[in-house]
Amino acid sequence: MSDASHITLKKAGSSRIEIKQSVFIGNAAPVSSREEADAFVADIRRKYPDARHSCYAWKIDSTMHMQKYSDDGEPSGTAGMPILNILEHNDITDSIIVVTRYFGGILLGKGGLVRAYTEAASEAVKDAGLVRITEGEAYKIRLGYDLSDKIIRELSNAGLTAEDISYTTDVEITAVCSSSDSERMIELVTNASAGRAVITKDGKRDLKTDIDRGDIS
């Protein structure tokens, strides 16, 4: 069975596009609760108090399975749902996108609005970047100085993460791996150290892997 994982935004991101004199400003960010999402929308509205619309969508799946979107005065279905579709079509969760519009005086029509809000939202997501979060396990590895370089190299070659290294009387390495890789990691360290390394479990830890996706739409 594969380790449970989800895709979210790596950091906050933004965008700005202009269509027929209307300016659309996208802002996207990772969030973990409805309260965080509501606060983000409020912050954006304070940032652009003279804007005509601040439409948004957010989705929180990893803990609460909740989502919400708002057209904020735009014609029904032209803003909030297209923004939500960016999250849905790219399997993005625990994230919010707000697109603020400064009206330029020229009507865009429903189709034009859908395209504009979609583009502003997708560009904000591209700027934020995507990351896959997988539940992992952390292990403390204690060993002598004479073995530390070898073990760090072996972990790296095996695609395993040495998250933290401390040097005191001995060397202590915190290694993080997916649950499915834990046995492989323990076997690798045990064999490479000829059984001299002391390995103890150190709880759960999230593993983050960047996703290179240029076709967000």
C-alpha atoms as a PDB file:
ATOM      1  CA  MET A   1       0.000   0.000   0.000  1.00  0.00           C
ATOM      2  CA  SER A   2       1.329   3.463  -0.889  1.00  0.00           C
ATOM      3  CA  ASP A   3       1.902   6.099   1.771  1.00  0.00           C
ATOM      4  CA  ALA A   4      -0.910   8.635   2.117  1.00  0.00           C
ATOM      5  CA  SER A   5      -0.020  11.937   0.519  1.00  0.00           C
ATOM      6  CA  HIS A   6      -1.525  15.164  -0.727  1.00  0.00           C
ATOM      7  CA  ILE A   7      -0.511  18.102  -2.907  1.00  0.00           C
ATOM      8  CA  THR A   8      -0.522  21.650  -1.602  1.00  0.00           C
ATOM      9  CA  LEU A   9       1.073  25.009  -2.334  1.00  0.00           C
ATOM     10  CA  LYS A  10       4.736  25.343  -1.434  1.00  0.00           C
ATOM     11  CA  LYS A  11       4.465  28.993  -0.392  1.00  0.00           C
ATOM     12  CA  ALA A  12       2.429  32.122  -1.058  1.00  0.00           C
ATOM     13  CA  GLY A  13       2.263  33.213  -4.693  1.00  0.00           C
ATOM     14  CA  SER A  14       0.780  36.055  -6.704  1.00  0.00           C
ATOM     15  CA  SER A  15      -0.064  37.139 -10.242  1.00  0.00           C
ATOM     16  CA  ARG A  16      -1.266  40.188 -12.140  1.00  0.00           C
ATOM     17  CA  ILE A  17      -2.923  40.275 -15.541  1.00  0.00           C
ATOM     18  CA  GLU A  18      -4.712  43.043 -17.436  1.00  0.00           C
ATOM     19  CA  ILE A  19      -7.554  42.388 -19.865  1.00  0.00           C
ATOM     20  CA  LYS A  20      -9.444  45.221 -21.578  1.00  0.00           C
ATOM     21  CA  GLN A  21      -8.357  47.655 -18.858  1.00  0.00           C
ATOM     22  CA  SER A  22      -9.564  45.406 -16.016  1.00  0.00           C
ATOM     23  CA  VAL A  23      -6.760  44.312 -13.685  1.00  0.00           C
ATOM     24  CA  PHE A  24      -6.907  40.879 -12.056  1.00  0.00           C
ATOM     25  CA  ILE A  25      -4.583  40.265  -9.099  1.00  0.00           C
ATOM     26  CA  GLY A  26      -4.210  36.686  -7.922  1.00  0.00           C
ATOM     27  CA  ASN A  27      -2.997  35.656  -4.487  1.00  0.00           C
ATOM     28  CA  ALA A  28      -2.576  32.033  -3.422  1.00  0.00           C
ATOM     29  CA  ALA A  29      -1.343  30.471  -0.189  1.00  0.00           C
ATOM     30  CA  PRO A  30      -1.339  27.221   1.777  1.00  0.00           C
ATOM     31  CA  VAL A  31      -3.911  27.098   4.610  1.00  0.00           C
ATOM     32  CA  SER A  32      -4.820  24.406   7.114  1.00  0.00           C
ATOM     33  CA  SER A  33      -8.176  25.571   8.485  1.00  0.00           C
ATOM     34  CA  ARG A  34     -11.308  27.524   7.601  1.00  0.00           C
ATOM     35  CA  GLU A  35     -10.204  30.232  10.020  1.00  0.00           C
ATOM     36  CA  GLU A  36      -6.897  30.658   8.176  1.00  0.00           C
ATOM     37  CA  ALA A  37      -8.748  30.835   4.859  1.00  0.00           C
ATOM     38  CA  ASP A  38     -11.200  33.459   6.168  1.00  0.00           C
ATOM     39  CA  ALA A  39      -8.318  35.502   7.578  1.00  0.00           C
ATOM     40  CA  PHE A  40      -6.479  35.360   4.235  1.00  0.00           C
ATOM     41  CA  VAL A  41      -9.533  36.673   2.377  1.00  0.00           C
ATOM     42  CA  ALA A  42      -9.918  39.463   4.945  1.00  0.00           C
ATOM     43  CA  ASP A  43      -6.243  40.411   4.563  1.00  0.00           C
ATOM     44  CA  ILE A  44      -6.571  40.614   0.772  1.00  0.00           C
ATOM     45  CA  ARG A  45      -9.662  42.805   1.032  1.00  0.00           C
ATOM     46  CA  ARG A  46      -7.828  45.118   3.412  1.00  0.00           C
ATOM     47  CA  LYS A  47      -4.900  45.231   0.987  1.00  0.00           C
ATOM     48  CA  TYR A  48      -7.147  46.257  -1.914  1.00  0.00           C
ATOM     49  CA  PRO A  49      -9.987  48.204  -0.231  1.00  0.00           C
ATOM     50  CA  ASP A  50     -10.999  50.050  -3.416  1.00  0.00           C
ATOM     51  CA  ALA A  51     -11.260  46.940  -5.599  1.00  0.00           C
ATOM     52  CA  ARG A  52     -14.643  45.986  -6.967  1.00  0.00           C
ATOM     53  CA  HIS A  53     -14.404  42.226  -6.373  1.00  0.00           C
ATOM     54  CA  SER A  54     -12.226  39.778  -4.434  1.00  0.00           C
ATOM     55  CA  CYS A  55     -13.396  36.340  -5.528  1.00  0.00           C
ATOM     56  CA  TYR A  56     -11.955  33.217  -3.981  1.00  0.00           C
ATOM     57  CA  ALA A  57     -11.961  29.483  -3.508  1.00  0.00           C
ATOM     58  CA  TRP A  58     -10.355  27.292  -0.885  1.00  0.00           C
ATOM     59  CA  LYS A  59     -10.163  23.584  -0.234  1.00  0.00           C
ATOM     60  CA  ILE A  60      -9.092  21.733   2.911  1.00  0.00           C
ATOM     61  CA  ASP A  61      -9.093  17.965   2.441  1.00  0.00           C
ATOM     62  CA  SER A  62      -6.323  16.477   4.538  1.00  0.00           C
ATOM     63  CA  THR A  63      -8.132  17.109   7.836  1.00  0.00           C
ATOM     64  CA  MET A  64     -11.697  18.375   7.338  1.00  0.00           C
ATOM     65  CA  HIS A  65     -12.815  17.697   3.745  1.00  0.00           C
ATOM     66  CA  MET A  66     -14.188  21.203   3.292  1.00  0.00           C
ATOM     67  CA  GLN A  67     -14.293  23.673   0.417  1.00  0.00           C
ATOM     68  CA  LYS A  68     -15.851  27.041  -0.334  1.00  0.00           C
ATOM     69  CA  TYR A  69     -15.942  29.532  -3.184  1.00  0.00           C
ATOM     70  CA  SER A  70     -17.384  32.991  -3.750  1.00  0.00           C
ATOM     71  CA  ASP A  71     -18.152  35.082  -6.853  1.00  0.00           C
ATOM     72  CA  ASP A  72     -18.230  38.202  -4.634  1.00  0.00           C
ATOM     73  CA  GLY A  73     -20.718  40.036  -6.828  1.00  0.00           C
ATOM     74  CA  GLU A  74     -19.531  38.773 -10.218  1.00  0.00           C
ATOM     75  CA  PRO A  75     -22.116  36.923 -12.381  1.00  0.00           C
ATOM     76  CA  SER A  76     -22.800  33.461 -10.960  1.00  0.00           C
ATOM     77  CA  GLY A  77     -20.269  30.843 -12.043  1.00  0.00           C
ATOM     78  CA  THR A  78     -17.764  33.275 -13.582  1.00  0.00           C
ATOM     79  CA  ALA A  79     -15.232  33.596 -10.763  1.00  0.00           C
ATOM     80  CA  GLY A  80     -15.434  31.398  -7.670  1.00  0.00           C
ATOM     81  CA  MET A  81     -16.067  28.132  -9.506  1.00  0.00           C
ATOM     82  CA  PRO A  82     -13.302  28.686 -12.114  1.00  0.00           C
ATOM     83  CA  ILE A  83     -10.895  29.409  -9.260  1.00  0.00           C
ATOM     84  CA  LEU A  84     -12.016  26.258  -7.426  1.00  0.00           C
ATOM     85  CA  ASN A  85     -11.525  24.295 -10.634  1.00  0.00           C
ATOM     86  CA  ILE A  86      -7.824  25.191 -10.574  1.00  0.00           C
ATOM     87  CA  LEU A  87      -7.565  23.476  -7.182  1.00  0.00           C
ATOM     88  CA  GLU A  88      -9.728  20.518  -8.226  1.00  0.00           C
ATOM     89  CA  HIS A  89      -8.115  19.811 -11.607  1.00  0.00           C
ATOM     90  CA  ASN A  90      -4.603  19.879 -10.129  1.00  0.00           C
ATOM     91  CA  ASP A  91      -5.449  17.854  -7.000  1.00  0.00           C
ATOM     92  CA  ILE A  92      -4.413  20.775  -4.782  1.00  0.00           C
ATOM     93  CA  THR A  93      -5.707  20.890  -1.232  1.00  0.00           C
ATOM     94  CA  ASP A  94      -5.081  22.824   1.994  1.00  0.00           C
ATOM     95  CA  SER A  95      -4.844  25.952  -0.149  1.00  0.00           C
ATOM     96  CA  ILE A  96      -6.680  29.161  -1.023  1.00  0.00           C
ATOM     97  CA  ILE A  97      -6.711  31.391  -4.099  1.00  0.00           C
ATOM     98  CA  VAL A  98      -8.130  34.919  -4.113  1.00  0.00           C
ATOM     99  CA  VAL A  99      -8.432  36.927  -7.328  1.00  0.00           C
ATOM    100  CA  THR A 100      -9.082  40.646  -6.918  1.00  0.00           C
ATOM    101  CA  ARG A 101     -10.501  42.613  -9.842  1.00  0.00           C
ATOM    102  CA  TYR A 102     -10.210  46.320 -10.591  1.00  0.00           C
ATOM    103  CA  PHE A 103     -12.900  46.996 -13.182  1.00  0.00           C
ATOM    104  CA  GLY A 104     -11.666  48.937 -16.204  1.00  0.00           C
ATOM    105  CA  GLY A 105     -15.008  50.014 -17.592  1.00  0.00           C
ATOM    106  CA  ILE A 106     -15.275  47.480 -20.407  1.00  0.00           C
ATOM    107  CA  LEU A 107     -17.561  44.487 -19.929  1.00  0.00           C
ATOM    108  CA  LEU A 108     -15.839  41.147 -20.551  1.00  0.00           C
ATOM    109  CA  GLY A 109     -18.882  38.907 -20.737  1.00  0.00           C
ATOM    110  CA  LYS A 110     -19.252  35.634 -18.866  1.00  0.00           C
ATOM    111  CA  GLY A 111     -16.754  33.769 -21.020  1.00  0.00           C
ATOM    112  CA  GLY A 112     -14.198  36.538 -20.704  1.00  0.00           C
ATOM    113  CA  LEU A 113     -14.562  36.629 -16.945  1.00  0.00           C
ATOM    114  CA  VAL A 114     -14.135  32.863 -16.641  1.00  0.00           C
ATOM    115  CA  ARG A 115     -10.945  32.988 -18.715  1.00  0.00           C
ATOM    116  CA  ALA A 116      -9.553  35.967 -16.786  1.00  0.00           C
ATOM    117  CA  TYR A 117     -10.203  34.520 -13.330  1.00  0.00           C
ATOM    118  CA  THR A 118      -8.858  31.149 -14.433  1.00  0.00           C
ATOM    119  CA  GLU A 119      -5.644  32.673 -15.790  1.00  0.00           C
ATOM    120  CA  ALA A 120      -5.033  34.866 -12.741  1.00  0.00           C
ATOM    121  CA  ALA A 121      -5.615  31.913 -10.407  1.00  0.00           C
ATOM    122  CA  SER A 122      -3.393  29.518 -12.359  1.00  0.00           C
ATOM    123  CA  GLU A 123      -0.552  32.043 -12.582  1.00  0.00           C
ATOM    124  CA  ALA A 124      -0.708  32.633  -8.813  1.00  0.00           C
ATOM    125  CA  VAL A 125      -0.462  28.873  -8.249  1.00  0.00           C
ATOM    126  CA  LYS A 126       2.516  28.613 -10.609  1.00  0.00           C
ATOM    127  CA  ASP A 127       4.234  31.392  -8.674  1.00  0.00           C
ATOM    128  CA  ALA A 128       3.543  29.627  -5.355  1.00  0.00           C
ATOM    129  CA  GLY A 129       4.772  26.247  -6.565  1.00  0.00           C
ATOM    130  CA  LEU A 130       3.470  22.825  -5.621  1.00  0.00           C
ATOM    131  CA  VAL A 131       4.713  20.305  -3.100  1.00  0.00           C
ATOM    132  CA  ARG A 132       3.660  16.756  -2.336  1.00  0.00           C
ATOM    133  CA  ILE A 133       3.443  16.005   1.383  1.00  0.00           C
ATOM    134  CA  THR A 134       3.764  12.387   2.453  1.00  0.00           C
ATOM    135  CA  GLU A 135       3.544  11.112   6.001  1.00  0.00           C
ATOM    136  CA  GLY A 136       6.972   9.871   6.994  1.00  0.00           C
ATOM    137  CA  GLU A 137       8.865   8.502   9.962  1.00  0.00           C
ATOM    138  CA  ALA A 138      11.910   9.952  11.676  1.00  0.00           C
ATOM    139  CA  TYR A 139      14.772   7.898  13.119  1.00  0.00           C
ATOM    140  CA  LYS A 140      17.726   8.887  15.277  1.00  0.00           C
ATOM    141  CA  ILE A 141      20.953   7.228  14.181  1.00  0.00           C
ATOM    142  CA  ARG A 142      23.836   7.388  16.683  1.00  0.00           C
ATOM    143  CA  LEU A 143      27.310   6.303  15.537  1.00  0.00           C
ATOM    144  CA  GLY A 144      30.998   7.117  15.742  1.00  0.00           C
ATOM    145  CA  TYR A 145      32.728   9.890  13.839  1.00  0.00           C
ATOM    146  CA  ASP A 146      34.573   7.326  11.732  1.00  0.00           C
ATOM    147  CA  LEU A 147      31.270   6.121  10.223  1.00  0.00           C
ATOM    148  CA  SER A 148      29.371   9.382   9.855  1.00  0.00           C
ATOM    149  CA  ASP A 149      30.532  10.401   6.375  1.00  0.00           C
ATOM    150  CA  LYS A 150      29.884   6.914   5.014  1.00  0.00           C
ATOM    151  CA  ILE A 151      26.359   6.701   6.456  1.00  0.00           C
ATOM    152  CA  ILE A 152      25.407  10.203   5.258  1.00  0.00           C
ATOM    153  CA  ARG A 153      26.673   9.287   1.785  1.00  0.00           C
ATOM    154  CA  GLU A 154      24.799   5.967   1.775  1.00  0.00           C
ATOM    155  CA  LEU A 155      21.557   7.675   2.812  1.00  0.00           C
ATOM    156  CA  SER A 156      21.949  10.282   0.092  1.00  0.00           C
ATOM    157  CA  ASN A 157      22.733   7.677  -2.574  1.00  0.00           C
ATOM    158  CA  ALA A 158      19.593   5.766  -1.570  1.00  0.00           C
ATOM    159  CA  GLY A 159      17.430   8.876  -1.902  1.00  0.00           C
ATOM    160  CA  LEU A 160      16.790   9.099   1.851  1.00  0.00           C
ATOM    161  CA  THR A 161      16.778  12.358   3.802  1.00  0.00           C
ATOM    162  CA  ALA A 162      19.302  13.211   6.515  1.00  0.00           C
ATOM    163  CA  GLU A 163      17.316  16.047   8.076  1.00  0.00           C
ATOM    164  CA  ASP A 164      19.621  17.010  10.922  1.00  0.00           C
ATOM    165  CA  ILE A 165      23.151  16.105  12.030  1.00  0.00           C
ATOM    166  CA  SER A 166      24.642  16.912  15.436  1.00  0.00           C
ATOM    167  CA  TYR A 167      28.210  16.355  16.555  1.00  0.00           C
ATOM    168  CA  THR A 168      28.808  15.724  20.269  1.00  0.00           C
ATOM    169  CA  THR A 169      30.511  12.713  21.846  1.00  0.00           C
ATOM    170  CA  ASP A 170      29.083  10.728  18.954  1.00  0.00           C
ATOM    171  CA  VAL A 171      27.423  11.770  15.719  1.00  0.00           C
ATOM    172  CA  GLU A 172      23.616  11.778  15.752  1.00  0.00           C
ATOM    173  CA  ILE A 173      21.757  11.833  12.448  1.00  0.00           C
ATOM    174  CA  THR A 174      18.020  12.358  12.137  1.00  0.00           C
ATOM    175  CA  ALA A 175      16.901  10.415   9.064  1.00  0.00           C
ATOM    176  CA  VAL A 176      13.407  10.831   7.617  1.00  0.00           C
ATOM    177  CA  CYS A 177      11.780   8.384   5.236  1.00  0.00           C
ATOM    178  CA  SER A 178       8.361   7.253   4.107  1.00  0.00           C
ATOM    179  CA  SER A 179       6.761   4.458   6.108  1.00  0.00           C
ATOM    180  CA  SER A 180       7.298   2.077   3.207  1.00  0.00           C
ATOM    181  CA  ASP A 181      11.043   2.909   3.167  1.00  0.00           C
ATOM    182  CA  SER A 182      11.667   2.461   6.904  1.00  0.00           C
ATOM    183  CA  GLU A 183      12.786  -1.180   6.722  1.00  0.00           C
ATOM    184  CA  ARG A 184      15.063  -0.406   3.771  1.00  0.00           C
ATOM    185  CA  MET A 185      16.629   2.511   5.648  1.00  0.00           C
ATOM    186  CA  ILE A 186      17.234   0.467   8.812  1.00  0.00           C
ATOM    187  CA  GLU A 187      18.776  -2.382   6.794  1.00  0.00           C
ATOM    188  CA  LEU A 188      20.981   0.003   4.843  1.00  0.00           C
ATOM    189  CA  VAL A 189      22.349   1.741   7.972  1.00  0.00           C
ATOM    190  CA  THR A 190      22.802  -1.540   9.823  1.00  0.00           C
ATOM    191  CA  ASN A 191      24.738  -3.120   6.967  1.00  0.00           C
ATOM    192  CA  ALA A 192      26.826  -0.017   6.189  1.00  0.00           C
ATOM    193  CA  SER A 193      27.846   0.334   9.849  1.00  0.00           C
ATOM    194  CA  ALA A 194      28.344  -3.401  10.410  1.00  0.00           C
ATOM    195  CA  GLY A 195      25.734  -3.205  13.151  1.00  0.00           C
ATOM    196  CA  ARG A 196      27.529  -0.461  15.088  1.00  0.00           C
ATOM    197  CA  ALA A 197      24.897   2.261  14.556  1.00  0.00           C
ATOM    198  CA  VAL A 198      22.178   2.614  17.186  1.00  0.00           C
ATOM    199  CA  ILE A 199      18.820   3.327  15.507  1.00  0.00           C
ATOM    200  CA  THR A 200      15.764   4.543  17.434  1.00  0.00           C
ATOM    201  CA  LYS A 201      12.399   5.724  16.153  1.00  0.00           C
ATOM    202  CA  ASP A 202      11.695   9.448  16.655  1.00  0.00           C
ATOM    203  CA  GLY A 203       8.020   9.858  15.737  1.00  0.00           C
ATOM    204  CA  LYS A 204       6.187  10.965  12.610  1.00  0.00           C
ATOM    205  CA  ARG A 205       7.463  13.619  10.217  1.00  0.00           C
ATOM    206  CA  ASP A 206       6.140  15.080   6.965  1.00  0.00           C
ATOM    207  CA  LEU A 207       8.176  14.501   3.823  1.00  0.00           C
ATOM    208  CA  LYS A 208       7.965  17.299   1.243  1.00  0.00           C
ATOM    209  CA  THR A 209       8.759  16.748  -2.423  1.00  0.00           C
ATOM    210  CA  ASP A 210       8.664  19.589  -4.941  1.00  0.00           C
ATOM    211  CA  ILE A 211       6.428  19.030  -7.964  1.00  0.00           C
ATOM    212  CA  ASP A 212       7.485  20.468 -11.306  1.00  0.00           C
ATOM    213  CA  ARG A 213       4.192  21.143 -13.062  1.00  0.00           C
ATOM    214  CA  GLY A 214       4.098  23.835 -15.709  1.00  0.00           C
ATOM    215  CA  ASP A 215       0.695  22.976 -17.176  1.00  0.00           C
ATOM    216  CA  ILE A 216      -1.577  24.268 -14.414  1.00  0.00           C
ATOM    217  CA  SER A 217      -4.920  25.182 -15.919  1.00  0.00           C
END
